[in-house]
Amino acid sequence: GIPGAGLADEETPLSLDASPAVAADARLVSEIERRLLETS
């Protein structure tokens, strides 16, 4: 979850623009979740 005050929840955006390895993993997570959750 993107850095910020308080605890992140399920609606908190992911850190897609963070440091290199973190951003890469966040993008991977975002893609695999998108594929799954958009499956009707």
Full PDB file with SEQRES, HELIX, SHEET, SSBOND, CRYST1, ORIGX, SCALE, CONECT and MASTER records, all heavy atoms in Angstrom:
SEQRES   1 A   40  GLY ILE PRO GLY ALA GLY LEU ALA ASP GLU GLU THR PRO          
SEQRES   2 A   40  LEU SER LEU ASP ALA SER PRO ALA VAL ALA ALA ASP ALA          
SEQRES   3 A   40  ARG LEU VAL SER GLU ILE GLU ARG ARG LEU LEU GLU THR          
SEQRES   4 A   40  SER                                                          
HELIX    1 AA1 PRO A   20  LEU A   37  1                                  18    
CRYST1    1.000    1.000    1.000  90.00  90.00  90.00 P 1           1          
ORIGX1      1.000000  0.000000  0.000000        0.00000                         
ORIGX2      0.000000  1.000000  0.000000        0.00000                         
ORIGX3      0.000000  0.000000  1.000000        0.00000                         
SCALE1      1.000000  0.000000  0.000000        0.00000                         
SCALE2      0.000000  1.000000  0.000000        0.00000                         
SCALE3      0.000000  0.000000  1.000000        0.00000                         
ATOM      1  N   GLY A   1       0.828  -1.205   0.000  1.00  0.00           N  
ATOM      2  CA  GLY A   1       0.000   0.000   0.000  1.00  0.00           C  
ATOM      3  C   GLY A   1       0.860   1.250   0.000  1.00  0.00           C  
ATOM      4  O   GLY A   1       1.963   1.274   0.562  1.00  0.00           O  
ATOM      5  N   ILE A   2       0.383   2.319  -0.634  1.00  0.00           N  
ATOM      6  CA  ILE A   2       1.179   3.550  -0.702  1.00  0.00           C  
ATOM      7  C   ILE A   2       1.454   4.063   0.716  1.00  0.00           C  
ATOM      8  O   ILE A   2       0.607   3.951   1.603  1.00  0.00           O  
ATOM      9  CB  ILE A   2       0.482   4.644  -1.530  1.00  0.00           C  
ATOM     10  CG1 ILE A   2      -0.906   4.974  -0.966  1.00  0.00           C  
ATOM     11  CG2 ILE A   2       0.379   4.256  -2.993  1.00  0.00           C  
ATOM     12  CD1 ILE A   2      -1.543   6.179  -1.597  1.00  0.00           C  
ATOM     13  N   PRO A   3       2.652   4.606   0.948  1.00  0.00           N  
ATOM     14  CA  PRO A   3       2.964   5.149   2.271  1.00  0.00           C  
ATOM     15  C   PRO A   3       1.987   6.254   2.654  1.00  0.00           C  
ATOM     16  O   PRO A   3       1.473   6.977   1.808  1.00  0.00           O  
ATOM     17  CB  PRO A   3       4.385   5.705   2.093  1.00  0.00           C  
ATOM     18  CG  PRO A   3       4.962   4.924   0.951  1.00  0.00           C  
ATOM     19  CD  PRO A   3       3.805   4.684   0.026  1.00  0.00           C  
ATOM     20  N   GLY A   4       1.730   6.353   3.947  1.00  0.00           N  
ATOM     21  CA  GLY A   4       0.811   7.374   4.436  1.00  0.00           C  
ATOM     22  C   GLY A   4       0.491   7.146   5.895  1.00  0.00           C  
ATOM     23  O   GLY A   4       0.943   6.176   6.515  1.00  0.00           O  
ATOM     24  N   ALA A   5      -0.306   8.053   6.440  1.00  0.00           N  
ATOM     25  CA  ALA A   5      -0.686   7.947   7.846  1.00  0.00           C  
ATOM     26  C   ALA A   5      -1.712   6.836   8.047  1.00  0.00           C  
ATOM     27  O   ALA A   5      -2.542   6.566   7.178  1.00  0.00           O  
ATOM     28  CB  ALA A   5      -1.255   9.282   8.321  1.00  0.00           C  
ATOM     29  N   GLY A   6      -1.658   6.211   9.218  1.00  0.00           N  
ATOM     30  CA  GLY A   6      -2.635   5.183   9.551  1.00  0.00           C  
ATOM     31  C   GLY A   6      -2.382   3.889   8.801  1.00  0.00           C  
ATOM     32  O   GLY A   6      -1.401   3.734   8.064  1.00  0.00           O  
ATOM     33  N   LEU A   7      -3.280   2.926   9.000  1.00  0.00           N  
ATOM     34  CA  LEU A   7      -3.143   1.617   8.384  1.00  0.00           C  
ATOM     35  C   LEU A   7      -3.827   1.582   7.022  1.00  0.00           C  
ATOM     36  O   LEU A   7      -4.904   2.160   6.844  1.00  0.00           O  
ATOM     37  CB  LEU A   7      -3.751   0.547   9.290  1.00  0.00           C  
ATOM     38  CG  LEU A   7      -3.117   0.386  10.672  1.00  0.00           C  
ATOM     39  CD1 LEU A   7      -3.861  -0.685  11.467  1.00  0.00           C  
ATOM     40  CD2 LEU A   7      -1.635   0.055  10.573  1.00  0.00           C  
ATOM     41  N   ALA A   8      -3.206   0.915   6.082  1.00  0.00           N  
ATOM     42  CA  ALA A   8      -3.820   0.717   4.774  1.00  0.00           C  
ATOM     43  C   ALA A   8      -4.960  -0.285   4.892  1.00  0.00           C  
ATOM     44  O   ALA A   8      -4.938  -1.182   5.743  1.00  0.00           O  
ATOM     45  CB  ALA A   8      -2.778   0.205   3.783  1.00  0.00           C  
ATOM     46  N   ASP A   9      -5.964  -0.144   4.031  1.00  0.00           N  
ATOM     47  CA  ASP A   9      -7.025  -1.148   3.952  1.00  0.00           C  
ATOM     48  C   ASP A   9      -7.112  -1.651   2.516  1.00  0.00           C  
ATOM     49  O   ASP A   9      -6.264  -1.338   1.675  1.00  0.00           O  
ATOM     50  CB  ASP A   9      -8.362  -0.598   4.465  1.00  0.00           C  
ATOM     51  CG  ASP A   9      -8.894   0.569   3.648  1.00  0.00           C  
ATOM     52  OD1 ASP A   9      -8.450   0.767   2.483  1.00  0.00           O  
ATOM     53  OD2 ASP A   9      -9.758   1.301   4.154  1.00  0.00           O  
ATOM     54  N   GLU A  10      -8.152  -2.430   2.230  1.00  0.00           N  
ATOM     55  CA  GLU A  10      -8.269  -3.054   0.911  1.00  0.00           C  
ATOM     56  C   GLU A  10      -8.464  -2.043  -0.213  1.00  0.00           C  
ATOM     57  O   GLU A  10      -8.241  -2.375  -1.382  1.00  0.00           O  
ATOM     58  CB  GLU A  10      -9.426  -4.058   0.919  1.00  0.00           C  
ATOM     59  CG  GLU A  10      -9.137  -5.353   1.666  1.00  0.00           C  
ATOM     60  CD  GLU A  10      -9.251  -5.263   3.180  1.00  0.00           C  
ATOM     61  OE1 GLU A  10      -9.631  -4.179   3.683  1.00  0.00           O  
ATOM     62  OE2 GLU A  10      -8.973  -6.266   3.866  1.00  0.00           O  
ATOM     63  N   GLU A  11      -8.861  -0.821   0.116  1.00  0.00           N  
ATOM     64  CA  GLU A  11      -9.079   0.205  -0.901  1.00  0.00           C  
ATOM     65  C   GLU A  11      -7.853   1.090  -1.130  1.00  0.00           C  
ATOM     66  O   GLU A  11      -7.848   1.908  -2.050  1.00  0.00           O  
ATOM     67  CB  GLU A  11     -10.270   1.092  -0.504  1.00  0.00           C  
ATOM     68  CG  GLU A  11     -11.571   0.330  -0.263  1.00  0.00           C  
ATOM     69  CD  GLU A  11     -11.991  -0.490  -1.470  1.00  0.00           C  
ATOM     70  OE1 GLU A  11     -11.871   0.030  -2.601  1.00  0.00           O  
ATOM     71  OE2 GLU A  11     -12.421  -1.638  -1.282  1.00  0.00           O  
ATOM     72  N   THR A  12      -6.821   0.948  -0.316  1.00  0.00           N  
ATOM     73  CA  THR A  12      -5.631   1.777  -0.445  1.00  0.00           C  
ATOM     74  C   THR A  12      -4.892   1.446  -1.740  1.00  0.00           C  
ATOM     75  O   THR A  12      -4.614   0.274  -2.014  1.00  0.00           O  
ATOM     76  CB  THR A  12      -4.680   1.545   0.750  1.00  0.00           C  
ATOM     77  OG1 THR A  12      -5.376   1.848   1.957  1.00  0.00           O  
ATOM     78  CG2 THR A  12      -3.437   2.420   0.639  1.00  0.00           C  
ATOM     79  N   PRO A  13      -4.551   2.436  -2.565  1.00  0.00           N  
ATOM     80  CA  PRO A  13      -3.802   2.161  -3.801  1.00  0.00           C  
ATOM     81  C   PRO A  13      -2.440   1.533  -3.494  1.00  0.00           C  
ATOM     82  O   PRO A  13      -1.867   1.735  -2.424  1.00  0.00           O  
ATOM     83  CB  PRO A  13      -3.636   3.550  -4.429  1.00  0.00           C  
ATOM     84  CG  PRO A  13      -4.708   4.388  -3.815  1.00  0.00           C  
ATOM     85  CD  PRO A  13      -4.902   3.857  -2.434  1.00  0.00           C  
ATOM     86  N   LEU A  14      -1.919   0.788  -4.454  1.00  0.00           N  
ATOM     87  CA  LEU A  14      -0.620   0.139  -4.286  1.00  0.00           C  
ATOM     88  C   LEU A  14       0.507   1.072  -4.718  1.00  0.00           C  
ATOM     89  O   LEU A  14       0.305   2.010  -5.496  1.00  0.00           O  
ATOM     90  CB  LEU A  14      -0.577  -1.157  -5.091  1.00  0.00           C  
ATOM     91  CG  LEU A  14      -1.618  -2.206  -4.721  1.00  0.00           C  
ATOM     92  CD1 LEU A  14      -1.407  -3.485  -5.538  1.00  0.00           C  
ATOM     93  CD2 LEU A  14      -1.600  -2.528  -3.233  1.00  0.00           C  
ATOM     94  N   SER A  15       1.712   0.767  -4.225  1.00  0.00           N  
ATOM     95  CA  SER A  15       2.884   1.632  -4.441  1.00  0.00           C  
ATOM     96  C   SER A  15       3.512   1.365  -5.808  1.00  0.00           C  
ATOM     97  O   SER A  15       4.637   0.882  -5.917  1.00  0.00           O  
ATOM     98  CB  SER A  15       3.915   1.396  -3.341  1.00  0.00           C  
ATOM     99  OG  SER A  15       3.417   1.740  -2.090  1.00  0.00           O  
ATOM    100  N   LEU A  16       2.806   1.729  -6.859  1.00  0.00           N  
ATOM    101  CA  LEU A  16       3.259   1.444  -8.220  1.00  0.00           C  
ATOM    102  C   LEU A  16       4.441   2.301  -8.635  1.00  0.00           C  
ATOM    103  O   LEU A  16       5.131   1.982  -9.617  1.00  0.00           O  
ATOM    104  CB  LEU A  16       2.101   1.636  -9.206  1.00  0.00           C  
ATOM    105  CG  LEU A  16       0.843   0.805  -8.935  1.00  0.00           C  
ATOM    106  CD1 LEU A  16      -0.222   1.110  -9.980  1.00  0.00           C  
ATOM    107  CD2 LEU A  16       1.158  -0.683  -8.905  1.00  0.00           C  
ATOM    108  N   ASP A  17       4.693   3.393  -7.927  1.00  0.00           N  
ATOM    109  CA  ASP A  17       5.786   4.308  -8.277  1.00  0.00           C  
ATOM    110  C   ASP A  17       6.820   4.401  -7.165  1.00  0.00           C  
ATOM    111  O   ASP A  17       7.516   5.409  -7.040  1.00  0.00           O  
ATOM    112  CB  ASP A  17       5.226   5.704  -8.579  1.00  0.00           C  
ATOM    113  CG  ASP A  17       4.273   5.694  -9.767  1.00  0.00           C  
ATOM    114  OD1 ASP A  17       4.612   5.054 -10.787  1.00  0.00           O  
ATOM    115  OD2 ASP A  17       3.193   6.300  -9.668  1.00  0.00           O  
ATOM    116  N   ALA A  18       6.947   3.345  -6.367  1.00  0.00           N  
ATOM    117  CA  ALA A  18       7.896   3.347  -5.252  1.00  0.00           C  
ATOM    118  C   ALA A  18       9.302   3.026  -5.763  1.00  0.00           C  
ATOM    119  O   ALA A  18       9.601   3.152  -6.952  1.00  0.00           O  
ATOM    120  CB  ALA A  18       7.446   2.340  -4.199  1.00  0.00           C  
ATOM    121  N   SER A  19      10.183   2.602  -4.866  1.00  0.00           N  
ATOM    122  CA  SER A  19      11.541   2.209  -5.243  1.00  0.00           C  
ATOM    123  C   SER A  19      11.481   1.030  -6.218  1.00  0.00           C  
ATOM    124  O   SER A  19      10.464   0.346  -6.311  1.00  0.00           O  
ATOM    125  CB  SER A  19      12.323   1.850  -3.987  1.00  0.00           C  
ATOM    126  OG  SER A  19      11.647   0.846  -3.254  1.00  0.00           O  
ATOM    127  N   PRO A  20      12.551   0.783  -6.977  1.00  0.00           N  
ATOM    128  CA  PRO A  20      12.453  -0.133  -8.130  1.00  0.00           C  
ATOM    129  C   PRO A  20      11.882  -1.517  -7.853  1.00  0.00           C  
ATOM    130  O   PRO A  20      10.926  -1.941  -8.520  1.00  0.00           O  
ATOM    131  CB  PRO A  20      13.914  -0.219  -8.603  1.00  0.00           C  
ATOM    132  CG  PRO A  20      14.509   1.093  -8.225  1.00  0.00           C  
ATOM    133  CD  PRO A  20      13.867   1.448  -6.908  1.00  0.00           C  
ATOM    134  N   ALA A  21      12.434  -2.248  -6.884  1.00  0.00           N  
ATOM    135  CA  ALA A  21      11.941  -3.612  -6.641  1.00  0.00           C  
ATOM    136  C   ALA A  21      10.547  -3.595  -6.037  1.00  0.00           C  
ATOM    137  O   ALA A  21       9.706  -4.450  -6.358  1.00  0.00           O  
ATOM    138  CB  ALA A  21      12.905  -4.373  -5.734  1.00  0.00           C  
ATOM    139  N   VAL A  22      10.268  -2.629  -5.171  1.00  0.00           N  
ATOM    140  CA  VAL A  22       8.939  -2.510  -4.575  1.00  0.00           C  
ATOM    141  C   VAL A  22       7.908  -2.209  -5.657  1.00  0.00           C  
ATOM    142  O   VAL A  22       6.836  -2.831  -5.714  1.00  0.00           O  
ATOM    143  CB  VAL A  22       8.925  -1.424  -3.482  1.00  0.00           C  
ATOM    144  CG1 VAL A  22       7.495  -1.163  -2.997  1.00  0.00           C  
ATOM    145  CG2 VAL A  22       9.819  -1.833  -2.311  1.00  0.00           C  
ATOM    146  N   ALA A  23       8.216  -1.263  -6.531  1.00  0.00           N  
ATOM    147  CA  ALA A  23       7.284  -0.908  -7.604  1.00  0.00           C  
ATOM    148  C   ALA A  23       7.037  -2.091  -8.527  1.00  0.00           C  
ATOM    149  O   ALA A  23       5.898  -2.339  -8.948  1.00  0.00           O  
ATOM    150  CB  ALA A  23       7.831   0.276  -8.389  1.00  0.00           C  
ATOM    151  N   ALA A  24       8.096  -2.848  -8.834  1.00  0.00           N  
ATOM    152  CA  ALA A  24       7.935  -4.013  -9.710  1.00  0.00           C  
ATOM    153  C   ALA A  24       7.011  -5.043  -9.076  1.00  0.00           C  
ATOM    154  O   ALA A  24       6.122  -5.593  -9.746  1.00  0.00           O  
ATOM    155  CB  ALA A  24       9.296  -4.628 -10.012  1.00  0.00           C  
ATOM    156  N   ASP A  25       7.185  -5.311  -7.786  1.00  0.00           N  
ATOM    157  CA  ASP A  25       6.310  -6.269  -7.107  1.00  0.00           C  
ATOM    158  C   ASP A  25       4.885  -5.748  -6.990  1.00  0.00           C  
ATOM    159  O   ASP A  25       3.923  -6.506  -7.115  1.00  0.00           O  
ATOM    160  CB  ASP A  25       6.869  -6.591  -5.724  1.00  0.00           C  
ATOM    161  CG  ASP A  25       7.955  -7.649  -5.766  1.00  0.00           C  
ATOM    162  OD1 ASP A  25       8.136  -8.267  -6.828  1.00  0.00           O  
ATOM    163  OD2 ASP A  25       8.627  -7.854  -4.739  1.00  0.00           O  
ATOM    164  N   ALA A  26       4.747  -4.447  -6.728  1.00  0.00           N  
ATOM    165  CA  ALA A  26       3.406  -3.873  -6.630  1.00  0.00           C  
ATOM    166  C   ALA A  26       2.676  -3.964  -7.967  1.00  0.00           C  
ATOM    167  O   ALA A  26       1.469  -4.249  -8.013  1.00  0.00           O  
ATOM    168  CB  ALA A  26       3.495  -2.417  -6.173  1.00  0.00           C  
ATOM    169  N   ARG A  27       3.400  -3.752  -9.059  1.00  0.00           N  
ATOM    170  CA  ARG A  27       2.779  -3.875 -10.382  1.00  0.00           C  
ATOM    171  C   ARG A  27       2.404  -5.324 -10.675  1.00  0.00           C  
ATOM    172  O   ARG A  27       1.356  -5.596 -11.279  1.00  0.00           O  
ATOM    173  CB  ARG A  27       3.732  -3.344 -11.460  1.00  0.00           C  
ATOM    174  CG  ARG A  27       3.975  -1.838 -11.376  1.00  0.00           C  
ATOM    175  CD  ARG A  27       4.748  -1.327 -12.582  1.00  0.00           C  
ATOM    176  NE  ARG A  27       5.216   0.027 -12.351  1.00  0.00           N  
ATOM    177  CZ  ARG A  27       6.483   0.360 -12.109  1.00  0.00           C  
ATOM    178  NH1 ARG A  27       7.407  -0.586 -12.088  1.00  0.00           N  
ATOM    179  NH2 ARG A  27       6.824   1.608 -11.906  1.00  0.00           N  
ATOM    180  N   LEU A  28       3.254  -6.269 -10.252  1.00  0.00           N  
ATOM    181  CA  LEU A  28       2.941  -7.687 -10.425  1.00  0.00           C  
ATOM    182  C   LEU A  28       1.673  -8.053  -9.663  1.00  0.00           C  
ATOM    183  O   LEU A  28       0.764  -8.695 -10.206  1.00  0.00           O  
ATOM    184  CB  LEU A  28       4.119  -8.530  -9.936  1.00  0.00           C  
ATOM    185  CG  LEU A  28       3.909 -10.050  -9.881  1.00  0.00           C  
ATOM    186  CD1 LEU A  28       3.600 -10.605 -11.261  1.00  0.00           C  
ATOM    187  CD2 LEU A  28       5.141 -10.731  -9.289  1.00  0.00           C  
ATOM    188  N   VAL A  29       1.595  -7.628  -8.408  1.00  0.00           N  
ATOM    189  CA  VAL A  29       0.409  -7.888  -7.591  1.00  0.00           C  
ATOM    190  C   VAL A  29      -0.827  -7.267  -8.230  1.00  0.00           C  
ATOM    191  O   VAL A  29      -1.893  -7.886  -8.308  1.00  0.00           O  
ATOM    192  CB  VAL A  29       0.619  -7.341  -6.165  1.00  0.00           C  
ATOM    193  CG1 VAL A  29      -0.693  -7.262  -5.403  1.00  0.00           C  
ATOM    194  CG2 VAL A  29       1.618  -8.215  -5.406  1.00  0.00           C  
ATOM    195  N   SER A  30      -0.682  -6.034  -8.693  1.00  0.00           N  
ATOM    196  CA  SER A  30      -1.811  -5.343  -9.317  1.00  0.00           C  
ATOM    197  C   SER A  30      -2.320  -6.097 -10.537  1.00  0.00           C  
ATOM    198  O   SER A  30      -3.537  -6.247 -10.737  1.00  0.00           O  
ATOM    199  CB  SER A  30      -1.384  -3.924  -9.710  1.00  0.00           C  
ATOM    200  OG  SER A  30      -2.444  -3.221 -10.306  1.00  0.00           O  
ATOM    201  N   GLU A  31      -1.404  -6.623 -11.344  1.00  0.00           N  
ATOM    202  CA  GLU A  31      -1.802  -7.331 -12.558  1.00  0.00           C  
ATOM    203  C   GLU A  31      -2.469  -8.661 -12.248  1.00  0.00           C  
ATOM    204  O   GLU A  31      -3.515  -8.988 -12.829  1.00  0.00           O  
ATOM    205  CB  GLU A  31      -0.579  -7.544 -13.462  1.00  0.00           C  
ATOM    206  CG  GLU A  31      -0.845  -8.378 -14.713  1.00  0.00           C  
ATOM    207  CD  GLU A  31      -1.891  -7.775 -15.647  1.00  0.00           C  
ATOM    208  OE1 GLU A  31      -2.185  -6.574 -15.521  1.00  0.00           O  
ATOM    209  OE2 GLU A  31      -2.421  -8.526 -16.494  1.00  0.00           O  
ATOM    210  N   ILE A  32      -1.887  -9.449 -11.327  1.00  0.00           N  
ATOM    211  CA  ILE A  32      -2.501 -10.755 -11.064  1.00  0.00           C  
ATOM    212  C   ILE A  32      -3.853 -10.596 -10.373  1.00  0.00           C  
ATOM    213  O   ILE A  32      -4.775 -11.383 -10.614  1.00  0.00           O  
ATOM    214  CB  ILE A  32      -1.561 -11.675 -10.249  1.00  0.00           C  
ATOM    215  CG1 ILE A  32      -1.245 -11.108  -8.878  1.00  0.00           C  
ATOM    216  CG2 ILE A  32      -0.292 -11.970 -11.023  1.00  0.00           C  
ATOM    217  CD1 ILE A  32      -0.413 -12.036  -7.997  1.00  0.00           C  
ATOM    218  N   GLU A  33      -3.995  -9.565  -9.544  1.00  0.00           N  
ATOM    219  CA  GLU A  33      -5.298  -9.319  -8.929  1.00  0.00           C  
ATOM    220  C   GLU A  33      -6.311  -8.846  -9.971  1.00  0.00           C  
ATOM    221  O   GLU A  33      -7.475  -9.265  -9.951  1.00  0.00           O  
ATOM    222  CB  GLU A  33      -5.170  -8.296  -7.808  1.00  0.00           C  
ATOM    223  CG  GLU A  33      -4.454  -8.825  -6.577  1.00  0.00           C  
ATOM    224  CD  GLU A  33      -4.464  -7.835  -5.424  1.00  0.00           C  
ATOM    225  OE1 GLU A  33      -5.027  -6.724  -5.592  1.00  0.00           O  
ATOM    226  OE2 GLU A  33      -3.909  -8.157  -4.356  1.00  0.00           O  
ATOM    227  N   ARG A  34      -5.872  -7.972 -10.881  1.00  0.00           N  
ATOM    228  CA  ARG A  34      -6.797  -7.484 -11.919  1.00  0.00           C  
ATOM    229  C   ARG A  34      -7.328  -8.640 -12.752  1.00  0.00           C  
ATOM    230  O   ARG A  34      -8.533  -8.725 -13.016  1.00  0.00           O  
ATOM    231  CB  ARG A  34      -6.067  -6.468 -12.812  1.00  0.00           C  
ATOM    232  CG  ARG A  34      -6.962  -5.855 -13.891  1.00  0.00           C  
ATOM    233  CD  ARG A  34      -6.156  -5.163 -14.968  1.00  0.00           C  
ATOM    234  NE  ARG A  34      -5.312  -6.092 -15.710  1.00  0.00           N  
ATOM    235  CZ  ARG A  34      -5.760  -6.895 -16.664  1.00  0.00           C  
ATOM    236  NH1 ARG A  34      -7.051  -6.917 -16.987  1.00  0.00           N  
ATOM    237  NH2 ARG A  34      -4.930  -7.719 -17.292  1.00  0.00           N  
ATOM    238  N   ARG A  35      -6.432  -9.523 -13.183  1.00  0.00           N  
ATOM    239  CA  ARG A  35      -6.856 -10.658 -13.995  1.00  0.00           C  
ATOM    240  C   ARG A  35      -7.917 -11.494 -13.276  1.00  0.00           C  
ATOM    241  O   ARG A  35      -8.888 -11.935 -13.882  1.00  0.00           O  
ATOM    242  CB  ARG A  35      -5.661 -11.556 -14.311  1.00  0.00           C  
ATOM    243  CG  ARG A  35      -4.649 -10.970 -15.260  1.00  0.00           C  
ATOM    244  CD  ARG A  35      -3.558 -11.999 -15.524  1.00  0.00           C  
ATOM    245  NE  ARG A  35      -2.503 -11.492 -16.371  1.00  0.00           N  
ATOM    246  CZ  ARG A  35      -1.452 -12.225 -16.768  1.00  0.00           C  
ATOM    247  NH1 ARG A  35      -1.353 -13.486 -16.372  1.00  0.00           N  
ATOM    248  NH2 ARG A  35      -0.532 -11.690 -17.542  1.00  0.00           N  
ATOM    249  N   LEU A  36      -7.691 -11.708 -11.990  1.00  0.00           N  
ATOM    250  CA  LEU A  36      -8.620 -12.542 -11.227  1.00  0.00           C  
ATOM    251  C   LEU A  36      -9.941 -11.836 -10.984  1.00  0.00           C  
ATOM    252  O   LEU A  36     -11.018 -12.397 -11.224  1.00  0.00           O  
ATOM    253  CB  LEU A  36      -7.981 -12.933  -9.899  1.00  0.00           C  
ATOM    254  CG  LEU A  36      -8.868 -13.713  -8.928  1.00  0.00           C  
ATOM    255  CD1 LEU A  36      -9.321 -15.032  -9.532  1.00  0.00           C  
ATOM    256  CD2 LEU A  36      -8.145 -13.951  -7.614  1.00  0.00           C  
ATOM    257  N   LEU A  37      -9.877 -10.611 -10.506  1.00  0.00           N  
ATOM    258  CA  LEU A  37     -11.091  -9.931 -10.062  1.00  0.00           C  
ATOM    259  C   LEU A  37     -11.955  -9.442 -11.213  1.00  0.00           C  
ATOM    260  O   LEU A  37     -13.139  -9.167 -11.025  1.00  0.00           O  
ATOM    261  CB  LEU A  37     -10.720  -8.771  -9.133  1.00  0.00           C  
ATOM    262  CG  LEU A  37      -9.961  -9.204  -7.863  1.00  0.00           C  
ATOM    263  CD1 LEU A  37      -9.581  -7.997  -7.031  1.00  0.00           C  
ATOM    264  CD2 LEU A  37     -10.763 -10.197  -7.035  1.00  0.00           C  
ATOM    265  N   GLU A  38     -11.372  -9.347 -12.412  1.00  0.00           N  
ATOM    266  CA  GLU A  38     -12.168  -8.967 -13.578  1.00  0.00           C  
ATOM    267  C   GLU A  38     -12.766 -10.180 -14.286  1.00  0.00           C  
ATOM    268  O   GLU A  38     -13.458 -10.035 -15.294  1.00  0.00           O  
ATOM    269  CB  GLU A  38     -11.315  -8.155 -14.559  1.00  0.00           C  
ATOM    270  CG  GLU A  38     -10.958  -6.757 -14.033  1.00  0.00           C  
ATOM    271  CD  GLU A  38     -10.152  -5.937 -15.014  1.00  0.00           C  
ATOM    272  OE1 GLU A  38      -9.863  -6.474 -16.121  1.00  0.00           O  
ATOM    273  OE2 GLU A  38      -9.808  -4.792 -14.688  1.00  0.00           O  
ATOM    274  N   THR A  39     -12.508 -11.372 -13.762  1.00  0.00           N  
ATOM    275  CA  THR A  39     -13.081 -12.591 -14.330  1.00  0.00           C  
ATOM    276  C   THR A  39     -14.509 -12.747 -13.818  1.00  0.00           C  
ATOM    277  O   THR A  39     -14.734 -12.877 -12.613  1.00  0.00           O  
ATOM    278  CB  THR A  39     -12.237 -13.819 -13.927  1.00  0.00           C  
ATOM    279  OG1 THR A  39     -10.908 -13.628 -14.406  1.00  0.00           O  
ATOM    280  CG2 THR A  39     -12.808 -15.089 -14.521  1.00  0.00           C  
ATOM    281  N   SER A  40     -15.462 -12.726 -14.719  1.00  0.00           N  
ATOM    282  CA  SER A  40     -16.866 -12.635 -14.311  1.00  0.00           C  
ATOM    283  C   SER A  40     -17.510 -13.980 -14.008  1.00  0.00           C  
ATOM    284  O   SER A  40     -18.515 -14.030 -13.300  1.00  0.00           O  
ATOM    285  CB  SER A  40     -17.676 -11.925 -15.400  1.00  0.00           C  
ATOM    286  OG  SER A  40     -17.603 -12.639 -16.630  1.00  0.00           O  
TER     287      SER A  40                                                      
MASTER        0    0    0    1    0    0    0    6  286    1    0    4          
END                                                                             
